[in-house]
Amino acid sequence: MRNRTKFLIAISFVILAMATLFFTLIYQPGAGTYVRADKLQDPPEKYVEFSLADLEKYPYIEEAIKNPGKDIKLPFDHDGNMTEFANIMWGNRTEYIKLNNEYYHISYYSAD
């Protein structure tokens, strides 16, 4: 009985080690959806003009503009306002916005 118990404990540790290894290998901390705003020196040909009040509807875009060049990670359950923003940009066929006489290139992407 004693050898059988040792054997079951050993098997349990092997299974635990394999499960830990599996989940460690599939874990990707960088995966998710990001938005980034890069400030431009020159005005682009096409852009969409936003006011500060307009950007309050899109807090992740607002945060990206406050931190130009930084990738802002969106939470997994972010609301649909990013889709609304993307549709505005897509409808105007541009990736550029104007805010207070400053121009930004907005990138919206997913990393898997």
C-alpha atoms as a PDB file:
ATOM      1  CA  MET A   1       0.000   0.000   0.000  1.00  0.00           C
ATOM      2  CA  ARG A   2       2.860   2.361   0.784  1.00  0.00           C
ATOM      3  CA  ASN A   3       4.465   1.925  -2.653  1.00  0.00           C
ATOM      4  CA  ARG A   4       1.106   2.478  -4.304  1.00  0.00           C
ATOM      5  CA  THR A   5       0.629   5.784  -2.411  1.00  0.00           C
ATOM      6  CA  LYS A   6       4.108   6.976  -3.415  1.00  0.00           C
ATOM      7  CA  PHE A   7       3.361   6.052  -7.003  1.00  0.00           C
ATOM      8  CA  LEU A   8       0.055   8.034  -6.990  1.00  0.00           C
ATOM      9  CA  ILE A   9       1.791  11.053  -5.429  1.00  0.00           C
ATOM     10  CA  ALA A  10       4.523  10.886  -8.078  1.00  0.00           C
ATOM     11  CA  ILE A  11       1.945  10.647 -10.879  1.00  0.00           C
ATOM     12  CA  SER A  12       0.044  13.603  -9.387  1.00  0.00           C
ATOM     13  CA  PHE A  13       3.198  15.751  -9.365  1.00  0.00           C
ATOM     14  CA  VAL A  14       3.995  14.798 -12.959  1.00  0.00           C
ATOM     15  CA  ILE A  15       0.471  15.767 -14.069  1.00  0.00           C
ATOM     16  CA  LEU A  16       0.703  19.042 -12.123  1.00  0.00           C
ATOM     17  CA  ALA A  17       4.096  19.830 -13.688  1.00  0.00           C
ATOM     18  CA  MET A  18       2.770  19.097 -17.192  1.00  0.00           C
ATOM     19  CA  ALA A  19      -0.313  21.282 -16.631  1.00  0.00           C
ATOM     20  CA  THR A  20       1.852  24.120 -15.298  1.00  0.00           C
ATOM     21  CA  LEU A  21       4.186  23.846 -18.285  1.00  0.00           C
ATOM     22  CA  PHE A  22       1.252  23.813 -20.710  1.00  0.00           C
ATOM     23  CA  PHE A  23      -0.378  26.932 -19.276  1.00  0.00           C
ATOM     24  CA  THR A  24       2.969  28.719 -19.033  1.00  0.00           C
ATOM     25  CA  LEU A  25       3.612  28.101 -22.725  1.00  0.00           C
ATOM     26  CA  ILE A  26       0.205  29.339 -23.910  1.00  0.00           C
ATOM     27  CA  TYR A  27       0.103  32.433 -21.668  1.00  0.00           C
ATOM     28  CA  GLN A  28       0.687  35.588 -23.720  1.00  0.00           C
ATOM     29  CA  PRO A  29       0.733  38.721 -21.568  1.00  0.00           C
ATOM     30  CA  GLY A  30       0.975  41.028 -24.594  1.00  0.00           C
ATOM     31  CA  ALA A  31      -2.125  39.686 -26.310  1.00  0.00           C
ATOM     32  CA  GLY A  32      -5.051  42.059 -26.590  1.00  0.00           C
ATOM     33  CA  THR A  33      -6.319  45.129 -28.402  1.00  0.00           C
ATOM     34  CA  TYR A  34      -4.307  48.341 -28.435  1.00  0.00           C
ATOM     35  CA  VAL A  35      -4.728  51.915 -29.566  1.00  0.00           C
ATOM     36  CA  ARG A  36      -1.885  54.361 -30.224  1.00  0.00           C
ATOM     37  CA  ALA A  37      -1.716  58.021 -31.204  1.00  0.00           C
ATOM     38  CA  ASP A  38       1.376  59.422 -32.890  1.00  0.00           C
ATOM     39  CA  LYS A  39       1.672  63.201 -33.128  1.00  0.00           C
ATOM     40  CA  LEU A  40       2.392  64.512 -36.623  1.00  0.00           C
ATOM     41  CA  GLN A  41       4.557  67.471 -37.577  1.00  0.00           C
ATOM     42  CA  ASP A  42       2.717  68.235 -40.822  1.00  0.00           C
ATOM     43  CA  PRO A  43      -1.025  68.142 -41.506  1.00  0.00           C
ATOM     44  CA  PRO A  44      -2.204  65.101 -43.477  1.00  0.00           C
ATOM     45  CA  GLU A  45      -4.340  65.398 -46.609  1.00  0.00           C
ATOM     46  CA  LYS A  46      -7.431  63.858 -44.982  1.00  0.00           C
ATOM     47  CA  TYR A  47      -8.391  63.923 -41.347  1.00  0.00           C
ATOM     48  CA  VAL A  48     -11.392  64.007 -39.036  1.00  0.00           C
ATOM     49  CA  GLU A  49     -11.634  66.959 -36.680  1.00  0.00           C
ATOM     50  CA  PHE A  50     -12.557  66.237 -33.063  1.00  0.00           C
ATOM     51  CA  SER A  51     -13.071  68.517 -30.083  1.00  0.00           C
ATOM     52  CA  LEU A  52     -12.138  67.660 -26.505  1.00  0.00           C
ATOM     53  CA  ALA A  53     -15.832  67.119 -25.818  1.00  0.00           C
ATOM     54  CA  ASP A  54     -16.036  64.658 -28.728  1.00  0.00           C
ATOM     55  CA  LEU A  55     -13.107  62.658 -27.376  1.00  0.00           C
ATOM     56  CA  GLU A  56     -14.784  62.193 -24.001  1.00  0.00           C
ATOM     57  CA  LYS A  57     -16.941  59.560 -25.721  1.00  0.00           C
ATOM     58  CA  TYR A  58     -13.752  57.648 -26.606  1.00  0.00           C
ATOM     59  CA  PRO A  59     -11.673  57.499 -23.403  1.00  0.00           C
ATOM     60  CA  TYR A  60      -9.021  55.172 -24.856  1.00  0.00           C
ATOM     61  CA  ILE A  61      -8.405  57.501 -27.804  1.00  0.00           C
ATOM     62  CA  GLU A  62      -8.260  60.407 -25.369  1.00  0.00           C
ATOM     63  CA  GLU A  63      -5.697  58.558 -23.241  1.00  0.00           C
ATOM     64  CA  ALA A  64      -3.637  57.694 -26.326  1.00  0.00           C
ATOM     65  CA  ILE A  65      -3.574  61.358 -27.371  1.00  0.00           C
ATOM     66  CA  LYS A  66      -2.505  62.398 -23.873  1.00  0.00           C
ATOM     67  CA  ASN A  67       0.344  59.843 -24.150  1.00  0.00           C
ATOM     68  CA  PRO A  68       1.499  60.054 -27.788  1.00  0.00           C
ATOM     69  CA  GLY A  69       3.648  57.163 -28.966  1.00  0.00           C
ATOM     70  CA  LYS A  70       2.491  54.865 -26.161  1.00  0.00           C
ATOM     71  CA  ASP A  71       0.419  51.737 -26.787  1.00  0.00           C
ATOM     72  CA  ILE A  72      -2.764  51.849 -24.706  1.00  0.00           C
ATOM     73  CA  LYS A  73      -4.131  48.392 -23.973  1.00  0.00           C
ATOM     74  CA  LEU A  74      -7.910  48.127 -24.002  1.00  0.00           C
ATOM     75  CA  PRO A  75      -9.578  45.905 -21.421  1.00  0.00           C
ATOM     76  CA  PHE A  76     -11.000  42.646 -22.715  1.00  0.00           C
ATOM     77  CA  ASP A  77     -14.570  43.804 -22.129  1.00  0.00           C
ATOM     78  CA  HIS A  78     -14.202  47.333 -23.528  1.00  0.00           C
ATOM     79  CA  ASP A  79     -17.456  48.810 -24.692  1.00  0.00           C
ATOM     80  CA  GLY A  80     -18.535  49.369 -28.278  1.00  0.00           C
ATOM     81  CA  ASN A  81     -17.494  53.003 -28.485  1.00  0.00           C
ATOM     82  CA  MET A  82     -14.176  51.962 -30.042  1.00  0.00           C
ATOM     83  CA  THR A  83     -16.142  50.328 -32.828  1.00  0.00           C
ATOM     84  CA  GLU A  84     -18.067  53.566 -33.272  1.00  0.00           C
ATOM     85  CA  PHE A  85     -14.776  55.515 -33.455  1.00  0.00           C
ATOM     86  CA  ALA A  86     -13.324  53.036 -35.963  1.00  0.00           C
ATOM     87  CA  ASN A  87     -16.475  53.366 -38.105  1.00  0.00           C
ATOM     88  CA  ILE A  88     -16.139  57.170 -38.127  1.00  0.00           C
ATOM     89  CA  MET A  89     -12.538  56.893 -39.260  1.00  0.00           C
ATOM     90  CA  TRP A  90     -13.323  54.174 -41.816  1.00  0.00           C
ATOM     91  CA  GLY A  91     -16.256  56.180 -43.179  1.00  0.00           C
ATOM     92  CA  ASN A  92     -13.936  59.123 -43.779  1.00  0.00           C
ATOM     93  CA  ARG A  93     -11.231  56.834 -45.173  1.00  0.00           C
ATOM     94  CA  THR A  94      -8.491  58.181 -42.938  1.00  0.00           C
ATOM     95  CA  GLU A  95      -6.421  57.282 -39.884  1.00  0.00           C
ATOM     96  CA  TYR A  96      -5.720  60.882 -38.922  1.00  0.00           C
ATOM     97  CA  ILE A  97      -7.467  63.235 -36.555  1.00  0.00           C
ATOM     98  CA  LYS A  98      -7.159  66.927 -35.793  1.00  0.00           C
ATOM     99  CA  LEU A  99      -7.502  68.148 -32.214  1.00  0.00           C
ATOM    100  CA  ASN A 100      -6.819  71.779 -31.249  1.00  0.00           C
ATOM    101  CA  ASN A 101      -4.698  72.463 -34.364  1.00  0.00           C
ATOM    102  CA  GLU A 102      -2.611  69.344 -33.732  1.00  0.00           C
ATOM    103  CA  TYR A 103      -2.691  66.254 -35.906  1.00  0.00           C
ATOM    104  CA  TYR A 104      -2.417  62.614 -34.832  1.00  0.00           C
ATOM    105  CA  HIS A 105      -2.150  59.276 -36.571  1.00  0.00           C
ATOM    106  CA  ILE A 106      -4.398  56.785 -34.765  1.00  0.00           C
ATOM    107  CA  SER A 107      -3.498  53.088 -34.850  1.00  0.00           C
ATOM    108  CA  TYR A 108      -5.989  50.508 -33.618  1.00  0.00           C
ATOM    109  CA  TYR A 109      -4.764  46.916 -33.678  1.00  0.00           C
ATOM    110  CA  SER A 110      -4.889  43.512 -32.028  1.00  0.00           C
ATOM    111  CA  ALA A 111      -1.897  41.494 -30.906  1.00  0.00           C
ATOM    112  CA  ASP A 112      -2.388  37.755 -30.537  1.00  0.00           C
END
